[in-house]
């Protein structure tokens, strides 16, 4: 018999909790190529972590940038920042949909807050869109 874990008004089994944790790790895994690209400037794996339709919008130094995934990969390519620090602030998952917030410090001198929207299709999490703030002159 499965062990029941109580969380407020809902009751979840240990199997439910294991599945929930696996989904969380799946989202972390989907974000890792993006984090790696911040450090290395290598975008091949990062680009593959985005859906082809993905959209990226944000601002740097007061200028709004509105890019598709290929254009964004072109901006990140070669802009390595080996000393960049990151913090995964939160992940929220509902079925095949997820959102995540990642904070970066010292990505080529900037601090960024990135909000990702992800979707799980055919068993794999991918990034559908990203909105960001550079915390500089915005």
N, C-alpha and C. Protein backbone atom coordinates (compact mmCIF):
# COMPACT_ATOMS: atom_id res chain seq x y z
N UNK A 1 0.83 -1.17 0.00
CA UNK A 1 0.00 0.00 0.00
C UNK A 1 0.89 1.24 0.00
N UNK A 2 0.51 2.25 -0.83
CA UNK A 2 1.29 3.47 -0.94
C UNK A 2 1.10 4.34 0.29
N UNK A 3 2.18 4.93 0.72
CA UNK A 3 2.14 5.84 1.86
C UNK A 3 1.49 7.16 1.42
N UNK A 4 0.60 7.71 2.24
CA UNK A 4 -0.07 8.96 1.94
C UNK A 4 0.63 10.10 2.66
N UNK A 5 0.89 11.18 1.92
CA UNK A 5 1.51 12.38 2.47
C UNK A 5 0.49 13.49 2.40
N UNK A 6 0.20 14.14 3.51
CA UNK A 6 -0.79 15.21 3.55
C UNK A 6 -0.13 16.56 3.32
N UNK A 7 -0.69 17.35 2.41
CA UNK A 7 -0.24 18.71 2.12
C UNK A 7 -1.48 19.60 2.16
N UNK A 8 -1.77 20.15 3.30
CA UNK A 8 -2.94 21.02 3.39
C UNK A 8 -4.21 20.22 3.16
N UNK A 9 -4.98 20.64 2.14
CA UNK A 9 -6.27 20.03 1.87
C UNK A 9 -6.16 18.83 0.93
N UNK A 10 -5.00 18.61 0.31
CA UNK A 10 -4.88 17.50 -0.63
C UNK A 10 -4.07 16.37 0.00
N UNK A 11 -4.29 15.20 -0.49
CA UNK A 11 -3.59 14.03 0.00
C UNK A 11 -2.86 13.39 -1.18
N UNK A 12 -1.54 13.21 -1.05
CA UNK A 12 -0.74 12.67 -2.15
C UNK A 12 -0.01 11.43 -1.66
N UNK A 13 0.16 10.48 -2.55
CA UNK A 13 0.90 9.28 -2.21
C UNK A 13 2.39 9.53 -2.41
N UNK A 14 3.19 8.63 -1.88
CA UNK A 14 4.65 8.72 -2.08
C UNK A 14 4.97 8.65 -3.58
N UNK A 15 4.20 7.87 -4.33
CA UNK A 15 4.42 7.78 -5.78
C UNK A 15 4.14 9.13 -6.44
N UNK A 16 3.10 9.84 -5.99
CA UNK A 16 2.80 11.18 -6.51
C UNK A 16 3.97 12.11 -6.24
N UNK A 17 4.50 12.03 -5.03
CA UNK A 17 5.62 12.90 -4.67
C UNK A 17 6.86 12.59 -5.51
N UNK A 18 7.13 11.32 -5.76
CA UNK A 18 8.28 10.94 -6.59
C UNK A 18 8.10 11.46 -8.01
N UNK A 19 6.88 11.36 -8.55
CA UNK A 19 6.61 11.87 -9.90
C UNK A 19 6.78 13.39 -9.95
N UNK A 20 6.28 14.07 -8.93
CA UNK A 20 6.41 15.52 -8.86
C UNK A 20 7.89 15.93 -8.83
N UNK A 21 8.70 15.23 -8.05
CA UNK A 21 10.12 15.53 -7.97
C UNK A 21 10.81 15.26 -9.30
N UNK A 22 10.42 14.18 -9.98
CA UNK A 22 10.99 13.86 -11.29
C UNK A 22 10.69 14.96 -12.30
N UNK A 23 9.48 15.51 -12.25
CA UNK A 23 9.13 16.61 -13.16
C UNK A 23 9.98 17.84 -12.86
N UNK A 24 10.16 18.14 -11.59
CA UNK A 24 11.01 19.26 -11.18
C UNK A 24 12.42 19.08 -11.75
N UNK A 25 12.99 17.88 -11.60
CA UNK A 25 14.33 17.63 -12.14
C UNK A 25 14.35 17.73 -13.66
N UNK A 26 13.25 17.35 -14.31
CA UNK A 26 13.16 17.48 -15.77
C UNK A 26 13.23 18.93 -16.21
N UNK A 27 12.59 19.82 -15.48
CA UNK A 27 12.65 21.25 -15.79
C UNK A 27 14.07 21.78 -15.55
N UNK A 28 14.69 21.39 -14.46
CA UNK A 28 16.07 21.80 -14.17
C UNK A 28 16.98 21.34 -15.31
N UNK A 29 16.81 20.12 -15.76
CA UNK A 29 17.62 19.57 -16.85
C UNK A 29 17.41 20.37 -18.13
N UNK A 30 16.17 20.80 -18.40
CA UNK A 30 15.89 21.59 -19.60
C UNK A 30 16.54 22.97 -19.54
N UNK A 31 16.69 23.53 -18.35
CA UNK A 31 17.31 24.85 -18.19
C UNK A 31 18.83 24.80 -18.17
N UNK A 32 19.42 23.67 -17.87
CA UNK A 32 20.87 23.57 -17.70
C UNK A 32 21.67 24.00 -18.93
N UNK A 33 21.27 23.64 -20.18
CA UNK A 33 22.04 24.11 -21.33
C UNK A 33 22.09 25.63 -21.45
N UNK A 34 21.02 26.29 -21.02
CA UNK A 34 21.00 27.75 -21.02
C UNK A 34 22.01 28.29 -20.01
N UNK A 35 22.03 27.72 -18.83
CA UNK A 35 22.97 28.12 -17.78
C UNK A 35 24.40 27.86 -18.24
N UNK A 36 24.64 26.72 -18.86
CA UNK A 36 25.98 26.40 -19.37
C UNK A 36 26.42 27.40 -20.44
N UNK A 37 25.49 27.80 -21.32
CA UNK A 37 25.83 28.74 -22.39
C UNK A 37 26.23 30.10 -21.81
N UNK A 38 25.64 30.49 -20.69
CA UNK A 38 26.03 31.75 -20.05
C UNK A 38 27.50 31.71 -19.67
N UNK A 39 27.96 30.57 -19.22
CA UNK A 39 29.36 30.43 -18.79
C UNK A 39 30.32 30.26 -19.95
N UNK A 40 29.90 29.51 -20.98
CA UNK A 40 30.83 29.11 -22.04
C UNK A 40 30.67 29.86 -23.35
N UNK A 41 29.48 30.44 -23.59
CA UNK A 41 29.22 31.06 -24.89
C UNK A 41 28.88 30.06 -25.97
N UNK A 42 28.88 28.78 -25.64
CA UNK A 42 28.52 27.73 -26.61
C UNK A 42 27.01 27.55 -26.60
N UNK A 43 26.38 27.77 -27.74
CA UNK A 43 24.92 27.84 -27.78
C UNK A 43 24.23 26.65 -28.45
N UNK A 44 24.98 25.70 -28.96
CA UNK A 44 24.35 24.61 -29.71
C UNK A 44 23.33 23.86 -28.86
N UNK A 45 23.73 23.44 -27.66
CA UNK A 45 22.81 22.71 -26.78
C UNK A 45 21.73 23.66 -26.23
N UNK A 46 22.12 24.91 -25.98
CA UNK A 46 21.14 25.88 -25.49
C UNK A 46 20.03 26.07 -26.51
N UNK A 47 20.38 26.24 -27.77
CA UNK A 47 19.37 26.46 -28.81
C UNK A 47 18.43 25.27 -28.91
N UNK A 48 18.96 24.06 -28.75
CA UNK A 48 18.13 22.85 -28.82
C UNK A 48 17.16 22.75 -27.64
N UNK A 49 17.43 23.48 -26.55
CA UNK A 49 16.53 23.43 -25.39
C UNK A 49 15.31 24.34 -25.57
N UNK A 50 15.29 25.14 -26.64
CA UNK A 50 14.15 26.01 -26.96
C UNK A 50 13.32 25.37 -28.08
N UNK A 51 12.02 25.53 -28.03
CA UNK A 51 11.17 25.18 -29.17
C UNK A 51 11.51 26.12 -30.32
N UNK A 52 11.27 25.68 -31.55
CA UNK A 52 11.54 26.53 -32.71
C UNK A 52 10.73 27.82 -32.66
N UNK A 53 9.52 27.76 -32.11
CA UNK A 53 8.65 28.95 -32.05
C UNK A 53 8.99 29.88 -30.88
N UNK A 54 9.96 29.53 -30.05
CA UNK A 54 10.23 30.27 -28.82
C UNK A 54 10.48 31.75 -29.09
N UNK A 55 10.06 32.55 -28.13
CA UNK A 55 10.17 33.99 -28.22
C UNK A 55 10.88 34.51 -26.98
N UNK A 56 11.79 35.45 -27.17
CA UNK A 56 12.57 36.03 -26.07
C UNK A 56 12.39 37.54 -26.13
N UNK A 57 12.00 38.13 -25.01
CA UNK A 57 11.84 39.59 -24.95
C UNK A 57 12.35 40.09 -23.61
N UNK A 58 13.02 41.22 -23.66
CA UNK A 58 13.54 41.83 -22.45
C UNK A 58 14.24 43.13 -22.78
N UNK A 59 14.86 43.71 -21.77
CA UNK A 59 15.52 45.00 -22.00
C UNK A 59 16.91 45.00 -21.39
N UNK A 60 17.79 45.72 -22.08
CA UNK A 60 19.16 45.94 -21.61
C UNK A 60 19.48 47.41 -21.84
N UNK A 61 19.95 48.05 -20.79
CA UNK A 61 20.35 49.45 -20.85
C UNK A 61 19.28 50.32 -21.50
N UNK A 62 18.01 50.03 -21.19
CA UNK A 62 16.90 50.83 -21.67
C UNK A 62 16.38 50.49 -23.05
N UNK A 63 17.00 49.52 -23.72
CA UNK A 63 16.56 49.12 -25.06
C UNK A 63 15.85 47.77 -24.99
N UNK A 64 14.65 47.72 -25.55
CA UNK A 64 13.90 46.46 -25.58
C UNK A 64 14.42 45.60 -26.72
N UNK A 65 14.66 44.34 -26.42
CA UNK A 65 15.08 43.36 -27.42
C UNK A 65 13.98 42.31 -27.55
N UNK A 66 13.54 42.08 -28.78
CA UNK A 66 12.44 41.19 -29.09
C UNK A 66 12.95 40.21 -30.14
N UNK A 67 13.28 38.98 -29.71
CA UNK A 67 14.02 38.05 -30.56
C UNK A 67 13.34 36.70 -30.66
N UNK A 68 13.62 35.99 -31.76
CA UNK A 68 13.24 34.58 -31.82
C UNK A 68 14.43 33.77 -31.29
N UNK A 69 14.26 32.47 -31.18
CA UNK A 69 15.29 31.63 -30.55
C UNK A 69 16.61 31.66 -31.31
N UNK A 70 16.57 31.69 -32.63
CA UNK A 70 17.81 31.73 -33.41
C UNK A 70 18.53 33.06 -33.23
N UNK A 71 17.80 34.15 -33.25
CA UNK A 71 18.42 35.47 -33.04
C UNK A 71 19.04 35.54 -31.65
N UNK A 72 18.33 35.02 -30.67
CA UNK A 72 18.85 35.04 -29.30
C UNK A 72 20.13 34.21 -29.19
N UNK A 73 20.15 33.04 -29.81
CA UNK A 73 21.36 32.21 -29.80
C UNK A 73 22.54 32.97 -30.40
N UNK A 74 22.28 33.76 -31.44
CA UNK A 74 23.34 34.58 -32.05
C UNK A 74 23.90 35.62 -31.10
N UNK A 75 23.06 36.15 -30.22
CA UNK A 75 23.50 37.14 -29.24
C UNK A 75 24.37 36.48 -28.16
N UNK A 76 23.96 35.30 -27.70
CA UNK A 76 24.67 34.61 -26.62
C UNK A 76 25.98 33.99 -27.12
N UNK A 77 26.00 33.55 -28.38
CA UNK A 77 27.17 32.85 -28.93
C UNK A 77 28.43 33.70 -28.77
N UNK A 78 29.44 33.10 -28.17
CA UNK A 78 30.73 33.75 -28.01
C UNK A 78 30.79 34.77 -26.88
N UNK A 79 29.69 35.01 -26.20
CA UNK A 79 29.66 35.96 -25.09
C UNK A 79 29.77 35.23 -23.76
N UNK A 80 30.81 34.42 -23.65
CA UNK A 80 30.98 33.64 -22.42
C UNK A 80 31.29 34.54 -21.24
N UNK A 81 30.85 34.06 -20.10
CA UNK A 81 31.09 34.76 -18.84
C UNK A 81 31.38 33.70 -17.78
N UNK A 82 32.63 33.17 -17.75
CA UNK A 82 32.95 32.02 -16.90
C UNK A 82 32.71 32.24 -15.42
N UNK A 83 32.66 33.50 -14.97
CA UNK A 83 32.46 33.77 -13.54
C UNK A 83 31.00 34.08 -13.19
N UNK A 84 30.09 33.90 -14.15
CA UNK A 84 28.69 34.19 -13.88
C UNK A 84 28.17 33.26 -12.78
N UNK A 85 27.37 33.82 -11.90
CA UNK A 85 26.73 33.03 -10.85
C UNK A 85 25.25 32.96 -11.19
N UNK A 86 24.61 31.86 -10.79
CA UNK A 86 23.18 31.74 -11.03
C UNK A 86 22.49 31.12 -9.82
N UNK A 87 21.21 31.42 -9.74
CA UNK A 87 20.37 30.87 -8.67
C UNK A 87 19.01 30.55 -9.27
N UNK A 88 18.58 29.32 -9.14
CA UNK A 88 17.25 28.92 -9.58
C UNK A 88 16.29 29.28 -8.45
N UNK A 89 15.56 30.39 -8.62
CA UNK A 89 14.73 30.93 -7.54
C UNK A 89 13.47 30.11 -7.30
N UNK A 90 12.81 29.67 -8.38
CA UNK A 90 11.62 28.84 -8.22
C UNK A 90 11.25 28.16 -9.52
N UNK A 91 10.50 27.09 -9.37
CA UNK A 91 9.89 26.37 -10.49
C UNK A 91 8.47 26.07 -10.07
N UNK A 92 7.52 26.30 -10.98
CA UNK A 92 6.12 25.99 -10.73
C UNK A 92 5.63 25.11 -11.89
N UNK A 93 5.05 23.97 -11.56
CA UNK A 93 4.64 23.00 -12.58
C UNK A 93 3.16 22.67 -12.42
N UNK A 94 2.46 22.61 -13.55
CA UNK A 94 1.08 22.15 -13.58
C UNK A 94 0.92 21.27 -14.81
N UNK A 95 0.89 19.96 -14.59
CA UNK A 95 0.79 19.04 -15.73
C UNK A 95 1.98 19.22 -16.66
N UNK A 96 1.71 19.46 -17.96
CA UNK A 96 2.82 19.61 -18.92
C UNK A 96 3.32 21.05 -19.05
N UNK A 97 2.83 21.95 -18.20
CA UNK A 97 3.23 23.36 -18.26
C UNK A 97 4.08 23.71 -17.04
N UNK A 98 5.07 24.58 -17.24
CA UNK A 98 5.93 24.98 -16.13
C UNK A 98 6.42 26.41 -16.35
N UNK A 99 6.78 27.04 -15.25
CA UNK A 99 7.42 28.35 -15.28
C UNK A 99 8.59 28.29 -14.31
N UNK A 100 9.63 29.06 -14.60
CA UNK A 100 10.82 29.07 -13.73
C UNK A 100 11.43 30.46 -13.73
N UNK A 101 12.05 30.80 -12.61
CA UNK A 101 12.78 32.06 -12.49
C UNK A 101 14.23 31.73 -12.16
N UNK A 102 15.14 32.29 -12.95
CA UNK A 102 16.57 32.10 -12.72
C UNK A 102 17.21 33.48 -12.62
N UNK A 103 18.02 33.66 -11.58
CA UNK A 103 18.76 34.91 -11.36
C UNK A 103 20.22 34.67 -11.76
N UNK A 104 20.77 35.64 -12.49
CA UNK A 104 22.19 35.59 -12.87
C UNK A 104 22.88 36.84 -12.35
N UNK A 105 24.09 36.67 -11.87
CA UNK A 105 24.89 37.78 -11.40
C UNK A 105 26.23 37.76 -12.14
N UNK A 106 26.59 38.91 -12.68
CA UNK A 106 27.85 39.10 -13.39
C UNK A 106 27.92 38.31 -14.70
N UNK A 107 26.83 38.36 -15.46
CA UNK A 107 26.88 37.84 -16.83
C UNK A 107 27.38 39.00 -17.68
N UNK A 108 28.67 39.01 -17.93
CA UNK A 108 29.35 40.11 -18.62
C UNK A 108 29.04 41.46 -17.96
N UNK A 109 29.06 41.46 -16.63
CA UNK A 109 28.86 42.68 -15.87
C UNK A 109 27.42 43.02 -15.55
N UNK A 110 26.49 42.25 -16.04
CA UNK A 110 25.07 42.52 -15.80
C UNK A 110 24.48 41.54 -14.80
N UNK A 111 23.43 42.00 -14.14
CA UNK A 111 22.58 41.10 -13.36
C UNK A 111 21.31 40.91 -14.18
N UNK A 112 20.87 39.65 -14.32
CA UNK A 112 19.66 39.34 -15.07
C UNK A 112 18.68 38.58 -14.19
N UNK A 113 17.40 38.85 -14.40
CA UNK A 113 16.33 38.01 -13.90
C UNK A 113 15.63 37.47 -15.14
N UNK A 114 15.61 36.15 -15.27
CA UNK A 114 14.99 35.48 -16.41
C UNK A 114 13.77 34.70 -15.95
N UNK A 115 12.66 34.88 -16.66
CA UNK A 115 11.46 34.10 -16.44
C UNK A 115 11.25 33.21 -17.66
N UNK A 116 11.19 31.91 -17.43
CA UNK A 116 11.02 30.93 -18.50
C UNK A 116 9.64 30.31 -18.43
N UNK A 117 9.07 30.02 -19.60
CA UNK A 117 7.86 29.22 -19.72
C UNK A 117 8.26 27.97 -20.48
N UNK A 118 7.94 26.82 -19.92
CA UNK A 118 8.32 25.55 -20.52
C UNK A 118 7.08 24.69 -20.76
N UNK A 119 7.22 23.76 -21.71
CA UNK A 119 6.14 22.81 -21.98
C UNK A 119 6.75 21.44 -22.22
N UNK A 120 6.08 20.42 -21.69
CA UNK A 120 6.56 19.05 -21.84
C UNK A 120 5.77 18.36 -22.95
N UNK A 121 6.48 17.99 -23.99
CA UNK A 121 5.86 17.30 -25.13
C UNK A 121 6.69 16.06 -25.44
N UNK A 122 6.00 14.97 -25.67
CA UNK A 122 6.66 13.69 -25.97
C UNK A 122 7.70 13.34 -24.91
N UNK A 123 7.37 13.64 -23.65
CA UNK A 123 8.23 13.27 -22.53
C UNK A 123 9.43 14.17 -22.29
N UNK A 124 9.51 15.31 -23.02
CA UNK A 124 10.68 16.17 -22.88
C UNK A 124 10.26 17.61 -22.64
N UNK A 125 10.86 18.23 -21.62
CA UNK A 125 10.63 19.64 -21.32
C UNK A 125 11.48 20.50 -22.24
N UNK A 126 10.86 21.55 -22.81
CA UNK A 126 11.59 22.52 -23.63
C UNK A 126 11.08 23.91 -23.30
N UNK A 127 11.91 24.90 -23.58
CA UNK A 127 11.57 26.29 -23.30
C UNK A 127 10.72 26.85 -24.45
N UNK A 128 9.57 27.39 -24.10
CA UNK A 128 8.67 27.98 -25.08
C UNK A 128 8.87 29.49 -25.19
N UNK A 129 9.34 30.11 -24.11
CA UNK A 129 9.55 31.54 -24.14
C UNK A 129 10.35 32.01 -22.93
N UNK A 130 10.89 33.21 -23.06
CA UNK A 130 11.68 33.80 -21.97
C UNK A 130 11.44 35.30 -21.96
N UNK A 131 11.24 35.84 -20.77
CA UNK A 131 11.16 37.28 -20.55
C UNK A 131 12.24 37.61 -19.53
N UNK A 132 12.98 38.69 -19.78
CA UNK A 132 14.08 38.98 -18.86
C UNK A 132 14.20 40.48 -18.58
N UNK A 133 14.91 40.76 -17.51
CA UNK A 133 15.27 42.13 -17.13
C UNK A 133 16.76 42.13 -16.81
N UNK A 134 17.46 43.15 -17.32
CA UNK A 134 18.91 43.25 -17.07
C UNK A 134 19.23 44.09 -15.84
N UNK A 135 18.24 44.63 -15.16
CA UNK A 135 18.46 45.45 -13.96
C UNK A 135 19.36 46.65 -14.22
N UNK A 136 19.40 47.13 -15.43
CA UNK A 136 20.28 48.24 -15.76
C UNK A 136 19.57 49.24 -16.65
N UNK A 137 19.29 50.42 -16.13
CA UNK A 137 18.67 51.52 -16.88
C UNK A 137 17.32 51.14 -17.47
N UNK A 138 16.53 50.38 -16.75
CA UNK A 138 15.22 49.97 -17.27
C UNK A 138 14.10 50.65 -16.52
